[in-house]
Amino acid sequence: MSELFNVAQLVEENARRRGDARALAEPHGSGWREVSYGELQRRIEGEHAALAHAGLRGGDKVSVFVRPGIDWVVLIYALFRLGAPPVLIDPAMGRAGVLRCVERIAPRGFVGIPLACALKLVFPAAFRKVEVTIVHGALPLGGRTISSLRSASAATPPLASTRAEDPAAVLFTSGSTGPAKGVPYTHGMFRAQVAALRELYAMRDGEVDVACFAPFALFGPALGLSTVLPDIDFSHPARANPERVVRALREHRAVQCFGSPAIWRRVAPWARERGIVLEHLERLMIAGAPVHPPLIEECLSILGARGDVHTPYGATESLPVSSMNGRAVLARHRQRTESGWGNCVGKPASSITARVIRITDEPISEWSECLCVPRGEPGELVVRGPQVTREYEQEPAHTAAAKIREGDAVWHRMGDIVREDEDGRLWFQGRKSHRVETAGGPLYPVAIENIFNTHAAVRRSALVGVGSRGSQEPVLVVELRDSARACTSLAGEILVHGHRLAVAQRVTRVLFHPSFPVDLRHNAKIDRPQLARWAAEQVR
C-alpha cells in the first residue's frame, strides 16, 4: 500500500511557500480578477467545508458542470481535498452524449450552473442516483447554492486521508475516435503527471502560463505557476478571438501557453500580419491533433529567439507520453515528415516505458516481448508508467481492448500507429482505427497526408477507405486553400505531386470537400469516419 497523498497537498505546499504570489487570473470587465496562492488555499478550504456541509463525503463521485475559471479550479481542488472524485464530462459532446456519460457513472453528487441544473430536472433518469445537488450560481432550481453553503458551513474539515492509489477524478475522453469513456485517475497519477510536465519543460515557480485548454489550468496551481485563463469559449477553441488571446499573452508577459492547433491557426496569422512578436513566450505548446510543419513555421514567426513550439503527445489515458520541439522538426525532421514517416512526437518521457507492437484489433490479455515489432516497422504504441491509467470506469469490454496486464503493471494501448527511428524517437502515422486496408496492404493516414499536404493548393487532406476492409479503395479527401480552384485537372496535379514518392502511389482518387468535420473538444482532429461515409456517397 502506498503512502498517504492527496493532490490538493500540492496547492497547499505552494501556498505555504509562496502565499502572496499570484496563482490564478481571469477576465473581469476590462481588466483581470486575480487570486494569490494563500487566497486560493483559503477558498479551497472554505469550499471543502461547504461541500461537506451539503452531505458530500469521501468516495462520492460528483458530476461537475461549471464553466472554467477561478471558481471552477477552486471547486475541483476542494473535491480533491474532500476525497470525492469530480466527474468531468466535456459539454461539447452534446446533450445526448453528456446524459449517457452521467447515467453510466451514476454520481452521488452534482454541482452545476443553473442551466445544467435545468438539464437535470428535464432528464431526471440520467441523474437518478444523485442525492446531493448544489447550484453554482444565483438560481436554486430545487437545490442549494454553493454560496449559501459557504455561509452555513462550520470549521474546515481536515484534508482527506487518501492514498496515492485512491480515486481522485474521472475524466472523459473526447469521443472523437469512439464512444466517450470515463478514465479514472488516482491521486498518484496526477502527481506523476505534474512531475513529468515539470521535467519535460523545465517549468519554474512563478512562470506565467496562459491556459487555452481548460484542464491545463488545473496543473498550474500544482506546478507553482501563475495561470491565466484567457477570454475564450473553452468549448469551441476554433472560435477563439485571436486579439483576446494575444492580449492575455502580452499583458501578463506569458512564458508558456497551451492550446489546440485550432487556436493557433487563428492566432499566429493574426499576430504575424500585425507584426506582433511575443518575445517573452518561451514555450508555445500545441496538442490535441497532429501539428504539421507549416503551422510550426507560422507560430515560430511570432516568437522571439528564446521561444519554441512544443508538441506534447499523449491521451486522456496517458499524459504526457512524449514531446517534440518545433525548431528541431523544421531543421532536422521535416524531410522525413513529408516523405511518409508521419509526425515526429519525440522520445518517451523518462517516466514512460514505450514499445511498438504488431497491429491487431483483438484484445491482448497478457504482455510478452514477442508482441513487439522490429525497430522502424509500423505498429501500435503501448506505454507503461506512473501516469498511465489502468482501466475505464464501468467499461470492462473497452478495458480489455485497451489494456495489457504484466503482473501488477498495466500497459495502455494508445490506439496509434507509430514507427520508432534509429534514435528512439516516435513517429505518429495515424490512428489504428483509421488505417486503410487495401488489397496491397495497409495505409496509415497521417503518413500519407503529410506528402500531399506539401502541394501549394492543399490546406489539409484526409486519407479514408471506401469499401470492405481488406479491399478498400484509398481516397484522398482534400480541403483547398482556395475552394474555387476545385477541378479535375487540379485533382490530377495533386496526385502527380504525391506520387513522386512510392508510398503514396496507391492513392489514385482525389475528392474535394469544402470544410472538414472535426472533433468537438479541440476542433482540430479530422473526423475521418464521417469523411469516409461522405466519400463513399461520392464514388458510388
Foldseek 3Di string as FASTA:
>chain_A
DFAFDFLLVLLVVLCVVWVQFWQEWEDDVPRIDTHGSVRLVVLLLLLLLLCVLLPDAAPFEEEEAEAFDSVVLSNLSNCSQRNHAYEYDQCLVDDVLVLVALQLQQTQHYEHAPVVLVSCVVPVNSNVNHDAYEHDDDDQSPHHHSVVSSVPGDGGDGGDRHGQARWHYWYWFQCLLHRIFTFTHGSLLLVVQLVLVCVQVVDDAAAEEEELARVVSNSRSSNNYNYYDWPARQLCLLPGDLVRVVCVCVVVLHQEYEAELSNLVRNLVVCVVVVAASASHAEYEYEDADDALVSQVSNVSRYHPNHWYKYFDDGPQAPGFAMDINVCCVPPNVVQCQQQQAAWGFAGGPQKDKFFFADDQDFAAADDPVRGDPAFDKGWMKMWGSNGTQATRSCVVVNRRAWYDYPPTIIGGRQFIWHADPVRIIHTQAGSVFWAAALVGIHGWRSLFSNLCVPPFFPGWTWHFADDHNHTQTEIETATPDVVPDDPVVQVVSLVSSVVHVSNVSHDHYHYDHDFQAGRNRSPHGSRVVVRVVVNVVVD
